[in-house]
Amino acid sequence: MNFVTPKIIASPFTGTMVRPRVSVFTQDGKIIKEARWYCPDSGTFITKGIVSIEDVDTSTPPPPSTT
């Protein structure tokens, strides 16, 4: 998959400006940040790409929950 910069693009279907939806997930000991673009008028998927990949840091404990 390609590395991308999460920026606003024009929809190839309608010309409307599209903001990426950025999601973060963990896979194979890596934290992966991925951006996906969908046309806001039709809901049609446009493209996706990886924003960043980082190793999971197991040396420091996670911060305490505030909830």
N, C-alpha and C. Protein backbone atom coordinates (compact mmCIF):
# COMPACT_ATOMS: atom_id res chain seq x y z
N MET A 1 0.84 -1.18 0.00
CA MET A 1 0.00 0.00 0.00
C MET A 1 0.88 1.24 0.00
N ASN A 2 0.42 2.30 -0.59
CA ASN A 2 1.18 3.53 -0.73
C ASN A 2 1.13 4.38 0.53
N PHE A 3 2.20 5.14 0.77
CA PHE A 3 2.20 6.14 1.83
C PHE A 3 1.59 7.41 1.26
N VAL A 4 0.74 8.07 2.07
CA VAL A 4 0.04 9.27 1.61
C VAL A 4 0.12 10.36 2.67
N THR A 5 -0.19 11.57 2.23
CA THR A 5 -0.36 12.70 3.14
C THR A 5 -1.86 12.95 3.26
N PRO A 6 -2.40 12.94 4.48
CA PRO A 6 -3.85 13.11 4.62
C PRO A 6 -4.28 14.55 4.35
N LYS A 7 -4.56 14.85 3.10
CA LYS A 7 -4.94 16.20 2.71
C LYS A 7 -6.29 16.19 2.01
N ILE A 8 -6.89 17.36 1.89
CA ILE A 8 -8.17 17.50 1.23
C ILE A 8 -7.95 17.41 -0.29
N ILE A 9 -8.78 16.57 -0.94
CA ILE A 9 -8.68 16.39 -2.39
C ILE A 9 -10.05 16.63 -3.02
N ALA A 10 -10.09 16.80 -4.33
CA ALA A 10 -11.35 16.92 -5.06
C ALA A 10 -11.83 15.53 -5.46
N SER A 11 -13.11 15.28 -5.27
CA SER A 11 -13.70 14.00 -5.67
C SER A 11 -13.64 13.86 -7.18
N PRO A 12 -13.16 12.73 -7.70
CA PRO A 12 -13.15 12.53 -9.15
C PRO A 12 -14.56 12.30 -9.71
N PHE A 13 -15.54 12.07 -8.83
CA PHE A 13 -16.90 11.79 -9.27
C PHE A 13 -17.75 13.05 -9.39
N THR A 14 -17.62 13.96 -8.38
CA THR A 14 -18.49 15.14 -8.36
C THR A 14 -17.72 16.45 -8.29
N GLY A 15 -16.43 16.42 -8.00
CA GLY A 15 -15.65 17.63 -7.87
C GLY A 15 -15.70 18.26 -6.49
N THR A 16 -16.53 17.73 -5.59
CA THR A 16 -16.63 18.23 -4.22
C THR A 16 -15.34 17.94 -3.47
N MET A 17 -14.94 18.86 -2.60
CA MET A 17 -13.74 18.66 -1.80
C MET A 17 -13.99 17.57 -0.75
N VAL A 18 -13.00 16.70 -0.55
CA VAL A 18 -13.12 15.53 0.31
C VAL A 18 -12.03 15.54 1.37
N ARG A 19 -12.43 15.40 2.63
CA ARG A 19 -11.47 15.26 3.73
C ARG A 19 -11.26 13.76 3.98
N PRO A 20 -10.04 13.36 4.33
CA PRO A 20 -9.81 11.94 4.60
C PRO A 20 -10.37 11.53 5.96
N ARG A 21 -10.75 10.28 6.06
CA ARG A 21 -11.10 9.67 7.34
C ARG A 21 -9.86 8.92 7.79
N VAL A 22 -9.31 9.31 8.93
CA VAL A 22 -8.07 8.69 9.42
C VAL A 22 -8.41 7.71 10.53
N SER A 23 -7.90 6.49 10.41
CA SER A 23 -8.10 5.47 11.43
C SER A 23 -6.75 4.94 11.89
N VAL A 24 -6.71 4.51 13.14
CA VAL A 24 -5.49 3.96 13.73
C VAL A 24 -5.80 2.57 14.24
N PHE A 25 -4.95 1.60 13.89
CA PHE A 25 -5.13 0.24 14.38
C PHE A 25 -3.78 -0.42 14.59
N THR A 26 -3.77 -1.51 15.34
CA THR A 26 -2.56 -2.26 15.62
C THR A 26 -2.59 -3.58 14.88
N GLN A 27 -1.47 -3.91 14.22
CA GLN A 27 -1.37 -5.15 13.47
C GLN A 27 0.07 -5.62 13.49
N ASP A 28 0.30 -6.86 13.87
CA ASP A 28 1.64 -7.47 13.89
C ASP A 28 2.66 -6.63 14.66
N GLY A 29 2.26 -6.09 15.82
CA GLY A 29 3.17 -5.32 16.65
C GLY A 29 3.49 -3.93 16.12
N LYS A 30 2.69 -3.45 15.19
CA LYS A 30 2.87 -2.11 14.60
C LYS A 30 1.60 -1.29 14.79
N ILE A 31 1.76 0.00 15.02
CA ILE A 31 0.63 0.93 15.05
C ILE A 31 0.55 1.56 13.66
N ILE A 32 -0.57 1.33 12.99
CA ILE A 32 -0.73 1.79 11.61
C ILE A 32 -1.81 2.87 11.57
N LYS A 33 -1.46 4.01 10.97
CA LYS A 33 -2.41 5.11 10.77
C LYS A 33 -2.72 5.13 9.28
N GLU A 34 -4.02 5.00 8.95
CA GLU A 34 -4.44 4.88 7.56
C GLU A 34 -5.48 5.96 7.23
N ALA A 35 -5.40 6.53 6.05
CA ALA A 35 -6.37 7.52 5.58
C ALA A 35 -7.19 6.93 4.43
N ARG A 36 -8.50 7.20 4.46
CA ARG A 36 -9.40 6.75 3.39
C ARG A 36 -10.25 7.94 2.95
N TRP A 37 -10.45 8.04 1.66
CA TRP A 37 -11.27 9.11 1.10
C TRP A 37 -12.53 8.53 0.49
N TYR A 38 -13.68 9.12 0.83
CA TYR A 38 -14.98 8.74 0.27
C TYR A 38 -15.66 9.99 -0.25
N CYS A 39 -16.32 9.89 -1.38
CA CYS A 39 -17.05 11.02 -1.95
C CYS A 39 -18.21 11.36 -1.02
N PRO A 40 -18.31 12.63 -0.56
CA PRO A 40 -19.39 12.98 0.38
C PRO A 40 -20.77 13.01 -0.29
N ASP A 41 -20.82 13.17 -1.58
CA ASP A 41 -22.11 13.23 -2.29
C ASP A 41 -22.66 11.84 -2.59
N SER A 42 -21.80 10.95 -3.07
CA SER A 42 -22.28 9.62 -3.47
C SER A 42 -21.91 8.52 -2.48
N GLY A 43 -20.94 8.79 -1.59
CA GLY A 43 -20.49 7.77 -0.64
C GLY A 43 -19.55 6.76 -1.27
N THR A 44 -19.15 7.00 -2.49
CA THR A 44 -18.28 6.08 -3.21
C THR A 44 -16.84 6.18 -2.70
N PHE A 45 -16.22 5.03 -2.48
CA PHE A 45 -14.82 4.98 -2.06
C PHE A 45 -13.95 5.54 -3.17
N ILE A 46 -12.96 6.39 -2.79
CA ILE A 46 -12.05 6.98 -3.77
C ILE A 46 -10.69 6.31 -3.71
N THR A 47 -10.02 6.40 -2.56
CA THR A 47 -8.68 5.82 -2.42
C THR A 47 -8.32 5.69 -0.95
N LYS A 48 -7.23 5.00 -0.67
CA LYS A 48 -6.73 4.89 0.70
C LYS A 48 -5.22 4.78 0.66
N GLY A 49 -4.60 4.99 1.81
CA GLY A 49 -3.15 4.87 1.91
C GLY A 49 -2.70 4.95 3.35
N ILE A 50 -1.47 4.57 3.59
CA ILE A 50 -0.90 4.58 4.94
C ILE A 50 -0.27 5.93 5.21
N VAL A 51 -0.60 6.51 6.36
CA VAL A 51 -0.03 7.77 6.79
C VAL A 51 1.28 7.52 7.54
N SER A 52 1.25 6.55 8.47
CA SER A 52 2.47 6.23 9.22
C SER A 52 2.39 4.83 9.79
N ILE A 53 3.56 4.26 10.05
CA ILE A 53 3.70 2.96 10.71
C ILE A 53 4.73 3.13 11.82
N GLU A 54 4.35 2.75 13.04
CA GLU A 54 5.25 2.85 14.18
C GLU A 54 5.26 1.53 14.93
N ASP A 55 6.37 1.23 15.59
CA ASP A 55 6.43 0.06 16.45
C ASP A 55 5.64 0.31 17.72
N VAL A 56 5.01 -0.74 18.25
CA VAL A 56 4.33 -0.64 19.53
C VAL A 56 5.40 -0.54 20.61
N ASP A 57 5.33 0.50 21.42
CA ASP A 57 6.31 0.71 22.49
C ASP A 57 5.84 -0.04 23.73
N THR A 58 6.47 -1.16 24.03
CA THR A 58 6.10 -1.97 25.20
C THR A 58 6.95 -1.65 26.42
N SER A 59 7.92 -0.74 26.28
CA SER A 59 8.83 -0.43 27.39
C SER A 59 8.18 0.48 28.42
N THR A 60 7.20 1.28 28.02
CA THR A 60 6.53 2.18 28.97
C THR A 60 5.07 1.76 29.10
N PRO A 61 4.55 1.79 30.32
CA PRO A 61 3.14 1.41 30.50
C PRO A 61 2.22 2.49 29.93
N PRO A 62 1.01 2.11 29.54
CA PRO A 62 0.07 3.11 29.00
C PRO A 62 -0.35 4.09 30.10
N PRO A 63 -0.75 5.30 29.74
CA PRO A 63 -1.20 6.26 30.76
C PRO A 63 -2.48 5.79 31.41
N PRO A 64 -2.71 6.21 32.66
CA PRO A 64 -3.94 5.77 33.35
C PRO A 64 -5.18 6.32 32.67
N SER A 65 -6.25 5.56 32.70
CA SER A 65 -7.50 5.97 32.09
C SER A 65 -8.15 7.07 32.92
N THR A 66 -8.76 8.03 32.26
CA THR A 66 -9.41 9.14 32.96
C THR A 66 -10.90 8.94 33.11
N THR A 67 -11.42 7.79 32.64
CA THR A 67 -12.86 7.55 32.73
C THR A 67 -13.21 6.77 33.96
